[in-house]
Amino acid sequence: MRLTIWGDKLLLLDWFDDKTNQLSTKLHKSITFMPIDEMNGNDQKFARFIMQELDAYFNGTLYRFSIPLDVSHGTDFQVKVWQMLMNITYGETISYKELATQIGNPNAFRACANANGKNPISLIVPCHRVIASDGSIGGYTGGIGIKETLLNFEKQYNIKCK
């Protein structure tokens, strides 16, 4: 995974690939990618905080992230969808149609799917928790295998967080 911070907020967290690299460059041409140890004090501290939360998530002890996010680069619609994704309970899933209904536009399930695909803060903004109405897994920018792994992982720990 690659994380990009801007100031005191997380701008991008996604599976490292060419799309992620292009998005980072598009959002802020002045971003310099560097290892955490080479960052200045505040950036380093914030990056380590993000890594601690990710470690806790992957250890099955964190069910809701508290990382400050910057989603200002999304459209109003995308931001609305991404904010609604934050309300999906750890270990649970909803359909794209349910997501569209929750944002007040039940016919916008395809637009919700597109907004999910453009989510630049995967995992923290849990787009992996949205599946097709027929119960099939649907798509995932990081790959269906990763989506299945995340859903199975969260179901394993879901009992603990209730």
C-alpha atoms as a PDB file:
ATOM      1  CA  MET A   1       0.000   0.000   0.000  1.00  0.00           C
ATOM      2  CA  ARG A   2       1.037   3.593  -0.533  1.00  0.00           C
ATOM      3  CA  LEU A   3      -0.023   6.429   1.697  1.00  0.00           C
ATOM      4  CA  THR A   4       0.115  10.097   0.846  1.00  0.00           C
ATOM      5  CA  ILE A   5      -0.280  12.748   3.504  1.00  0.00           C
ATOM      6  CA  TRP A   6      -0.869  16.419   2.935  1.00  0.00           C
ATOM      7  CA  GLY A   7      -0.479  18.588   5.972  1.00  0.00           C
ATOM      8  CA  ASP A   8      -2.153  16.856   8.862  1.00  0.00           C
ATOM      9  CA  LYS A   9      -4.544  14.715   6.789  1.00  0.00           C
ATOM     10  CA  LEU A  10      -4.419  11.499   4.835  1.00  0.00           C
ATOM     11  CA  LEU A  11      -4.936  12.222   1.144  1.00  0.00           C
ATOM     12  CA  LEU A  12      -4.409   8.808  -0.398  1.00  0.00           C
ATOM     13  CA  LEU A  13      -4.153   5.244   0.828  1.00  0.00           C
ATOM     14  CA  ASP A  14      -4.480   2.666  -1.851  1.00  0.00           C
ATOM     15  CA  TRP A  15      -2.984  -0.491  -3.222  1.00  0.00           C
ATOM     16  CA  PHE A  16       0.285   0.444  -4.892  1.00  0.00           C
ATOM     17  CA  ASP A  17      -0.070   0.386  -8.648  1.00  0.00           C
ATOM     18  CA  ASP A  18       0.198   2.727 -11.621  1.00  0.00           C
ATOM     19  CA  LYS A  19      -3.303   4.148 -10.965  1.00  0.00           C
ATOM     20  CA  THR A  20      -2.322   5.129  -7.438  1.00  0.00           C
ATOM     21  CA  ASN A  21       0.895   6.713  -8.624  1.00  0.00           C
ATOM     22  CA  GLN A  22      -0.953   8.678 -11.335  1.00  0.00           C
ATOM     23  CA  LEU A  23      -3.603   9.864  -8.862  1.00  0.00           C
ATOM     24  CA  SER A  24      -0.983  11.041  -6.374  1.00  0.00           C
ATOM     25  CA  THR A  25       0.816  12.983  -9.062  1.00  0.00           C
ATOM     26  CA  LYS A  26      -2.421  14.435 -10.435  1.00  0.00           C
ATOM     27  CA  LEU A  27      -3.632  15.618  -7.020  1.00  0.00           C
ATOM     28  CA  HIS A  28      -0.452  17.346  -5.951  1.00  0.00           C
ATOM     29  CA  LYS A  29       2.366  17.648  -8.440  1.00  0.00           C
ATOM     30  CA  SER A  30       4.699  18.797  -5.681  1.00  0.00           C
ATOM     31  CA  ILE A  31       4.426  15.602  -3.628  1.00  0.00           C
ATOM     32  CA  THR A  32       7.737  13.888  -3.062  1.00  0.00           C
ATOM     33  CA  PHE A  33       7.529  10.246  -2.120  1.00  0.00           C
ATOM     34  CA  MET A  34       9.919   9.199   0.583  1.00  0.00           C
ATOM     35  CA  PRO A  35      10.343   6.609   3.293  1.00  0.00           C
ATOM     36  CA  ILE A  36       8.874   7.541   6.665  1.00  0.00           C
ATOM     37  CA  ASP A  37      12.353   7.847   8.197  1.00  0.00           C
ATOM     38  CA  GLU A  38      13.205  10.639   5.749  1.00  0.00           C
ATOM     39  CA  MET A  39      10.107  12.761   6.548  1.00  0.00           C
ATOM     40  CA  ASN A  40      10.172  15.872   8.724  1.00  0.00           C
ATOM     41  CA  GLY A  41       9.100  15.514  12.368  1.00  0.00           C
ATOM     42  CA  ASN A  42       5.365  16.283  12.047  1.00  0.00           C
ATOM     43  CA  ASP A  43       4.875  14.301   8.840  1.00  0.00           C
ATOM     44  CA  GLN A  44       6.836  11.408  10.282  1.00  0.00           C
ATOM     45  CA  LYS A  45       4.754  11.427  13.464  1.00  0.00           C
ATOM     46  CA  PHE A  46       1.501  11.486  11.477  1.00  0.00           C
ATOM     47  CA  ALA A  47       2.660   8.735   9.101  1.00  0.00           C
ATOM     48  CA  ARG A  48       3.613   6.558  12.083  1.00  0.00           C
ATOM     49  CA  PHE A  49       0.168   7.173  13.624  1.00  0.00           C
ATOM     50  CA  ILE A  50      -1.439   5.974  10.387  1.00  0.00           C
ATOM     51  CA  MET A  51       0.797   2.901  10.372  1.00  0.00           C
ATOM     52  CA  GLN A  52      -0.131   2.143  14.007  1.00  0.00           C
ATOM     53  CA  GLU A  53      -3.826   2.260  13.141  1.00  0.00           C
ATOM     54  CA  LEU A  54      -3.287   0.043  10.089  1.00  0.00           C
ATOM     55  CA  ASP A  55      -1.324  -2.434  12.216  1.00  0.00           C
ATOM     56  CA  ALA A  56      -4.125  -2.491  14.787  1.00  0.00           C
ATOM     57  CA  TYR A  57      -6.695  -3.070  12.041  1.00  0.00           C
ATOM     58  CA  PHE A  58      -4.710  -5.956  10.573  1.00  0.00           C
ATOM     59  CA  ASN A  59      -4.203  -7.391  14.078  1.00  0.00           C
ATOM     60  CA  GLY A  60      -7.982  -7.463  14.519  1.00  0.00           C
ATOM     61  CA  THR A  61      -8.047  -4.903  17.355  1.00  0.00           C
ATOM     62  CA  LEU A  62      -9.197  -1.728  15.520  1.00  0.00           C
ATOM     63  CA  TYR A  63     -12.678  -1.574  14.042  1.00  0.00           C
ATOM     64  CA  ARG A  64     -12.961   2.127  13.218  1.00  0.00           C
ATOM     65  CA  PHE A  65     -10.143   4.402  12.092  1.00  0.00           C
ATOM     66  CA  SER A  66      -9.622   7.862  13.606  1.00  0.00           C
ATOM     67  CA  ILE A  67      -7.235   9.156  10.950  1.00  0.00           C
ATOM     68  CA  PRO A  68      -8.104  12.684   9.703  1.00  0.00           C
ATOM     69  CA  LEU A  69      -8.870  12.543   5.970  1.00  0.00           C
ATOM     70  CA  ASP A  70      -8.712  14.981   3.075  1.00  0.00           C
ATOM     71  CA  VAL A  71     -11.367  14.107   0.483  1.00  0.00           C
ATOM     72  CA  SER A  72     -11.598  17.615  -0.946  1.00  0.00           C
ATOM     73  CA  HIS A  73     -10.436  16.435  -4.374  1.00  0.00           C
ATOM     74  CA  GLY A  74     -13.647  14.443  -4.924  1.00  0.00           C
ATOM     75  CA  THR A  75     -16.807  15.777  -6.495  1.00  0.00           C
ATOM     76  CA  ASP A  76     -19.697  16.643  -4.175  1.00  0.00           C
ATOM     77  CA  PHE A  77     -21.356  13.356  -5.131  1.00  0.00           C
ATOM     78  CA  GLN A  78     -18.208  11.311  -4.543  1.00  0.00           C
ATOM     79  CA  VAL A  79     -17.621  12.921  -1.153  1.00  0.00           C
ATOM     80  CA  LYS A  80     -21.235  12.160  -0.179  1.00  0.00           C
ATOM     81  CA  VAL A  81     -20.749   8.504  -1.138  1.00  0.00           C
ATOM     82  CA  TRP A  82     -17.376   8.269   0.621  1.00  0.00           C
ATOM     83  CA  GLN A  83     -18.833   9.761   3.798  1.00  0.00           C
ATOM     84  CA  MET A  84     -21.681   7.229   3.706  1.00  0.00           C
ATOM     85  CA  LEU A  85     -19.167   4.404   3.319  1.00  0.00           C
ATOM     86  CA  MET A  86     -17.697   5.421   6.669  1.00  0.00           C
ATOM     87  CA  ASN A  87     -20.997   4.421   8.295  1.00  0.00           C
ATOM     88  CA  ILE A  88     -20.864   0.791   7.164  1.00  0.00           C
ATOM     89  CA  THR A  89     -20.159  -1.319  10.228  1.00  0.00           C
ATOM     90  CA  TYR A  90     -16.944  -3.325  10.364  1.00  0.00           C
ATOM     91  CA  GLY A  91     -17.619  -6.861   9.136  1.00  0.00           C
ATOM     92  CA  GLU A  92     -20.916  -5.932   7.465  1.00  0.00           C
ATOM     93  CA  THR A  93     -21.757  -5.335   3.814  1.00  0.00           C
ATOM     94  CA  ILE A  94     -24.369  -3.379   1.905  1.00  0.00           C
ATOM     95  CA  SER A  95     -25.275  -3.370  -1.771  1.00  0.00           C
ATOM     96  CA  TYR A  96     -24.602  -0.569  -4.223  1.00  0.00           C
ATOM     97  CA  LYS A  97     -28.390  -0.100  -4.391  1.00  0.00           C
ATOM     98  CA  GLU A  98     -28.614   0.212  -0.591  1.00  0.00           C
ATOM     99  CA  LEU A  99     -25.784   2.729  -0.697  1.00  0.00           C
ATOM    100  CA  ALA A 100     -27.625   4.757  -3.348  1.00  0.00           C
ATOM    101  CA  THR A 101     -30.781   4.686  -1.224  1.00  0.00           C
ATOM    102  CA  GLN A 102     -28.847   5.851   1.843  1.00  0.00           C
ATOM    103  CA  ILE A 103     -27.549   8.905  -0.008  1.00  0.00           C
ATOM    104  CA  GLY A 104     -31.107   9.729  -1.064  1.00  0.00           C
ATOM    105  CA  ASN A 105     -30.906   8.684  -4.714  1.00  0.00           C
ATOM    106  CA  PRO A 106     -31.996   5.033  -5.069  1.00  0.00           C
ATOM    107  CA  ASN A 107     -31.458   4.994  -8.833  1.00  0.00           C
ATOM    108  CA  ALA A 108     -27.820   6.114  -8.572  1.00  0.00           C
ATOM    109  CA  PHE A 109     -26.376   2.673  -7.802  1.00  0.00           C
ATOM    110  CA  ARG A 110     -24.103   2.750 -10.872  1.00  0.00           C
ATOM    111  CA  ALA A 111     -22.887   6.228  -9.940  1.00  0.00           C
ATOM    112  CA  CYS A 112     -22.222   4.940  -6.409  1.00  0.00           C
ATOM    113  CA  ALA A 113     -20.204   2.066  -7.868  1.00  0.00           C
ATOM    114  CA  ASN A 114     -18.186   4.558  -9.918  1.00  0.00           C
ATOM    115  CA  ALA A 115     -17.596   6.731  -6.830  1.00  0.00           C
ATOM    116  CA  ASN A 116     -16.428   3.611  -4.979  1.00  0.00           C
ATOM    117  CA  GLY A 117     -13.952   2.918  -7.759  1.00  0.00           C
ATOM    118  CA  LYS A 118     -12.538   6.422  -7.437  1.00  0.00           C
ATOM    119  CA  ASN A 119     -12.163   6.215  -3.653  1.00  0.00           C
ATOM    120  CA  PRO A 120      -8.553   7.234  -3.031  1.00  0.00           C
ATOM    121  CA  ILE A 121      -8.488   6.138   0.613  1.00  0.00           C
ATOM    122  CA  SER A 122      -9.195   2.413   0.375  1.00  0.00           C
ATOM    123  CA  LEU A 123      -9.608   0.476   3.593  1.00  0.00           C
ATOM    124  CA  ILE A 124     -10.040   3.628   5.720  1.00  0.00           C
ATOM    125  CA  VAL A 125     -13.037   4.634   3.578  1.00  0.00           C
ATOM    126  CA  PRO A 126     -14.298   1.045   3.385  1.00  0.00           C
ATOM    127  CA  CYS A 127     -15.501   0.658  -0.189  1.00  0.00           C
ATOM    128  CA  HIS A 128     -14.681  -3.055   0.081  1.00  0.00           C
ATOM    129  CA  ARG A 129     -17.842  -3.427   2.198  1.00  0.00           C
ATOM    130  CA  VAL A 130     -20.115  -2.736  -0.776  1.00  0.00           C
ATOM    131  CA  ILE A 131     -21.267  -5.715  -2.847  1.00  0.00           C
ATOM    132  CA  ALA A 132     -23.718  -6.373  -5.665  1.00  0.00           C
ATOM    133  CA  SER A 133     -27.446  -6.727  -4.925  1.00  0.00           C
ATOM    134  CA  ASP A 134     -27.350 -10.415  -5.856  1.00  0.00           C
ATOM    135  CA  GLY A 135     -24.790 -11.030  -3.112  1.00  0.00           C
ATOM    136  CA  SER A 136     -21.840 -11.391  -5.466  1.00  0.00           C
ATOM    137  CA  ILE A 137     -18.702  -9.570  -4.502  1.00  0.00           C
ATOM    138  CA  GLY A 138     -18.702  -6.935  -7.252  1.00  0.00           C
ATOM    139  CA  GLY A 139     -15.529  -5.131  -8.245  1.00  0.00           C
ATOM    140  CA  TYR A 140     -12.643  -3.661  -6.304  1.00  0.00           C
ATOM    141  CA  THR A 141      -9.830  -1.434  -7.453  1.00  0.00           C
ATOM    142  CA  GLY A 142      -7.283  -3.436  -5.449  1.00  0.00           C
ATOM    143  CA  GLY A 143      -8.560  -6.655  -7.020  1.00  0.00           C
ATOM    144  CA  ILE A 144     -11.345  -9.041  -6.099  1.00  0.00           C
ATOM    145  CA  GLY A 145      -8.927 -11.311  -4.217  1.00  0.00           C
ATOM    146  CA  ILE A 146      -8.019  -8.474  -1.850  1.00  0.00           C
ATOM    147  CA  LYS A 147     -11.696  -7.559  -1.415  1.00  0.00           C
ATOM    148  CA  GLU A 148     -12.587 -11.160  -0.528  1.00  0.00           C
ATOM    149  CA  THR A 149      -9.668 -11.338   1.899  1.00  0.00           C
ATOM    150  CA  LEU A 150     -10.704  -8.093   3.636  1.00  0.00           C
ATOM    151  CA  LEU A 151     -14.352  -9.168   3.920  1.00  0.00           C
ATOM    152  CA  ASN A 152     -13.418 -12.589   5.312  1.00  0.00           C
ATOM    153  CA  PHE A 153     -10.908 -11.014   7.684  1.00  0.00           C
ATOM    154  CA  GLU A 154     -13.507  -8.576   9.048  1.00  0.00           C
ATOM    155  CA  LYS A 155     -16.151 -11.300   9.434  1.00  0.00           C
ATOM    156  CA  GLN A 156     -13.639 -13.260  11.508  1.00  0.00           C
ATOM    157  CA  TYR A 157     -13.304 -10.381  14.008  1.00  0.00           C
ATOM    158  CA  ASN A 158     -16.818  -8.950  13.698  1.00  0.00           C
ATOM    159  CA  ILE A 159     -18.075 -10.679  16.833  1.00  0.00           C
ATOM    160  CA  LYS A 160     -15.416  -8.950  18.954  1.00  0.00           C
ATOM    161  CA  CYS A 161     -16.420  -5.446  17.891  1.00  0.00           C
ATOM    162  CA  LYS A 162     -20.124  -5.747  18.761  1.00  0.00           C
END
